[in-house]
N, C-alpha and C. Protein backbone atom coordinates (compact mmCIF):
# COMPACT_ATOMS: atom_id res chain seq x y z
N MET A 1 87.02 147.90 34.29
CA MET A 1 85.70 148.46 34.21
C MET A 1 84.89 148.02 35.44
N PRO A 2 84.27 148.92 36.16
CA PRO A 2 83.48 148.56 37.33
C PRO A 2 82.29 147.69 36.94
N SER A 3 81.90 146.81 37.83
CA SER A 3 80.78 145.92 37.58
C SER A 3 79.59 146.33 38.43
N THR A 4 78.40 146.18 37.89
CA THR A 4 77.20 146.46 38.67
C THR A 4 76.80 145.26 39.51
N LEU A 5 77.45 144.11 39.29
CA LEU A 5 77.12 142.88 40.00
C LEU A 5 78.23 142.43 40.96
N ILE A 6 79.48 142.52 40.51
CA ILE A 6 80.62 141.98 41.25
C ILE A 6 81.39 143.12 41.92
N ALA A 7 81.53 143.04 43.25
CA ALA A 7 82.28 144.06 43.98
C ALA A 7 83.76 143.71 44.06
N SER A 8 84.08 142.41 44.28
CA SER A 8 85.48 142.00 44.34
C SER A 8 85.63 140.52 44.04
N ILE A 9 86.84 140.19 43.56
CA ILE A 9 87.22 138.82 43.23
C ILE A 9 88.58 138.57 43.87
N VAL A 10 88.68 137.49 44.64
CA VAL A 10 89.97 137.11 45.24
C VAL A 10 90.17 135.62 44.95
N TYR A 11 91.32 135.30 44.36
CA TYR A 11 91.64 133.89 44.08
C TYR A 11 92.75 133.45 45.01
N LEU A 12 92.54 132.28 45.63
CA LEU A 12 93.52 131.69 46.54
C LEU A 12 94.09 130.44 45.87
N PRO A 13 95.23 130.57 45.19
CA PRO A 13 95.76 129.45 44.40
C PRO A 13 96.14 128.23 45.24
N ASP A 14 96.55 128.42 46.48
CA ASP A 14 96.94 127.28 47.31
C ASP A 14 95.78 126.33 47.58
N THR A 15 94.57 126.87 47.61
CA THR A 15 93.39 126.05 47.89
C THR A 15 92.42 125.97 46.70
N ALA A 16 92.76 126.64 45.61
CA ALA A 16 91.92 126.70 44.41
C ALA A 16 90.53 127.21 44.73
N GLU A 17 90.48 128.23 45.60
CA GLU A 17 89.22 128.84 45.98
C GLU A 17 89.11 130.24 45.39
N LEU A 18 87.92 130.56 44.94
CA LEU A 18 87.62 131.86 44.37
C LEU A 18 86.58 132.51 45.26
N GLU A 19 86.94 133.65 45.84
CA GLU A 19 86.00 134.38 46.69
C GLU A 19 85.40 135.51 45.87
N VAL A 20 84.08 135.50 45.78
CA VAL A 20 83.37 136.52 45.01
C VAL A 20 82.45 137.28 45.95
N THR A 21 82.63 138.59 45.99
CA THR A 21 81.74 139.45 46.77
C THR A 21 80.90 140.26 45.79
N PHE A 22 79.60 140.21 45.99
CA PHE A 22 78.67 140.91 45.11
C PHE A 22 78.40 142.31 45.64
N THR A 23 77.89 143.15 44.79
CA THR A 23 77.60 144.53 45.19
C THR A 23 76.51 144.58 46.26
N THR A 24 75.77 143.50 46.42
CA THR A 24 74.75 143.41 47.47
C THR A 24 75.37 143.16 48.84
N GLY A 25 76.67 142.80 48.85
CA GLY A 25 77.35 142.46 50.10
C GLY A 25 77.44 140.96 50.34
N ARG A 26 76.71 140.17 49.57
CA ARG A 26 76.79 138.72 49.74
C ARG A 26 78.13 138.22 49.22
N ARG A 27 78.67 137.22 49.92
CA ARG A 27 80.01 136.72 49.61
C ARG A 27 79.98 135.20 49.52
N TYR A 28 80.61 134.67 48.48
CA TYR A 28 80.62 133.24 48.24
C TYR A 28 82.04 132.76 47.99
N ILE A 29 82.31 131.52 48.39
CA ILE A 29 83.58 130.86 48.09
C ILE A 29 83.26 129.73 47.11
N TYR A 30 83.90 129.77 45.95
CA TYR A 30 83.78 128.72 44.95
C TYR A 30 85.03 127.86 45.04
N ARG A 31 84.84 126.54 45.14
CA ARG A 31 85.96 125.62 45.34
C ARG A 31 86.32 124.90 44.04
N ASP A 32 87.56 124.39 44.01
CA ASP A 32 88.07 123.61 42.88
C ASP A 32 88.10 124.42 41.59
N VAL A 33 88.39 125.70 41.72
CA VAL A 33 88.44 126.59 40.56
C VAL A 33 89.87 126.60 40.01
N PRO A 34 90.06 126.17 38.77
CA PRO A 34 91.41 126.18 38.21
C PRO A 34 91.93 127.62 38.04
N PRO A 35 93.24 127.79 38.11
CA PRO A 35 93.79 129.15 37.98
C PRO A 35 93.40 129.83 36.67
N GLU A 36 93.28 129.07 35.59
CA GLU A 36 92.92 129.67 34.30
C GLU A 36 91.51 130.25 34.35
N ALA A 37 90.60 129.57 35.04
CA ALA A 37 89.22 130.06 35.15
C ALA A 37 89.18 131.35 35.97
N ALA A 38 89.97 131.39 37.04
CA ALA A 38 90.01 132.60 37.88
C ALA A 38 90.61 133.77 37.12
N GLU A 39 91.67 133.50 36.36
CA GLU A 39 92.32 134.57 35.59
C GLU A 39 91.40 135.09 34.49
N ALA A 40 90.69 134.18 33.83
CA ALA A 40 89.75 134.61 32.78
C ALA A 40 88.65 135.48 33.38
N PHE A 41 88.18 135.13 34.57
CA PHE A 41 87.15 135.91 35.25
C PHE A 41 87.71 137.29 35.59
N ARG A 42 88.91 137.33 36.13
CA ARG A 42 89.53 138.60 36.50
C ARG A 42 89.72 139.50 35.27
N ALA A 43 90.07 138.88 34.14
CA ALA A 43 90.36 139.64 32.92
C ALA A 43 89.11 140.00 32.13
N ALA A 44 87.99 139.39 32.45
CA ALA A 44 86.76 139.61 31.67
C ALA A 44 86.35 141.09 31.69
N ARG A 45 85.96 141.57 30.56
CA ARG A 45 85.53 142.97 30.44
C ARG A 45 84.19 143.18 31.15
N ILE A 46 83.29 142.20 31.00
CA ILE A 46 81.97 142.28 31.65
C ILE A 46 81.91 141.15 32.68
N LYS A 47 82.24 141.49 33.91
CA LYS A 47 82.39 140.50 34.98
C LYS A 47 81.09 139.73 35.26
N GLY A 48 79.97 140.42 35.35
CA GLY A 48 78.71 139.75 35.65
C GLY A 48 78.34 138.73 34.60
N ARG A 49 78.49 139.08 33.36
CA ARG A 49 78.18 138.16 32.26
C ARG A 49 79.11 136.95 32.31
N HIS A 50 80.39 137.21 32.53
CA HIS A 50 81.35 136.11 32.60
C HIS A 50 81.03 135.19 33.78
N PHE A 51 80.72 135.78 34.92
CA PHE A 51 80.37 134.99 36.10
C PHE A 51 79.17 134.08 35.81
N ASN A 52 78.13 134.63 35.25
CA ASN A 52 76.93 133.85 34.97
C ASN A 52 77.16 132.74 33.96
N ALA A 53 78.03 132.98 33.00
CA ALA A 53 78.28 132.00 31.94
C ALA A 53 79.34 130.97 32.31
N ARG A 54 80.32 131.34 33.13
CA ARG A 54 81.49 130.46 33.32
C ARG A 54 81.78 130.04 34.76
N ILE A 55 81.16 130.67 35.74
CA ILE A 55 81.44 130.33 37.14
C ILE A 55 80.19 129.76 37.82
N ARG A 56 79.12 130.51 37.81
CA ARG A 56 77.88 130.10 38.49
C ARG A 56 77.42 128.74 37.95
N GLY A 57 77.15 127.82 38.88
CA GLY A 57 76.65 126.50 38.50
C GLY A 57 77.70 125.52 38.03
N ARG A 58 78.96 125.94 37.96
CA ARG A 58 80.02 125.05 37.47
C ARG A 58 80.96 124.57 38.57
N PHE A 59 80.95 125.25 39.70
CA PHE A 59 81.85 124.91 40.80
C PHE A 59 81.07 124.82 42.10
N PRO A 60 81.47 123.91 43.00
CA PRO A 60 80.81 123.87 44.31
C PRO A 60 81.07 125.18 45.05
N TYR A 61 80.12 125.60 45.87
CA TYR A 61 80.28 126.88 46.56
C TYR A 61 79.60 126.85 47.92
N SER A 62 79.93 127.84 48.71
CA SER A 62 79.23 128.06 49.97
C SER A 62 79.17 129.56 50.20
N GLU A 63 78.10 129.99 50.86
CA GLU A 63 77.96 131.40 51.18
C GLU A 63 78.67 131.68 52.48
N CYS A 64 79.33 132.84 52.54
CA CYS A 64 80.06 133.27 53.73
C CYS A 64 79.33 134.42 54.37
N GLU A 65 79.74 134.74 55.58
CA GLU A 65 79.22 135.93 56.24
C GLU A 65 79.67 137.16 55.46
N PRO A 66 78.82 138.16 55.31
CA PRO A 66 79.24 139.40 54.65
C PRO A 66 80.38 140.06 55.42
N ILE A 67 81.20 140.78 54.70
CA ILE A 67 82.32 141.48 55.33
C ILE A 67 81.81 142.72 56.01
């Protein structure tokens, strides 16, 4: 199901980093994200709600340059 908040999700298991690109074009890297958390986010029916409840504020992050 398309999200009105999340444009794309990329998980890098070798570094436990989750790259989230928002529909606004802003892109963030969340660090120390366990594979189960990334998979649950990917599988979530409502991505924005899941992000706000389970990702935002729980993992260290940094903003990246927009693609």
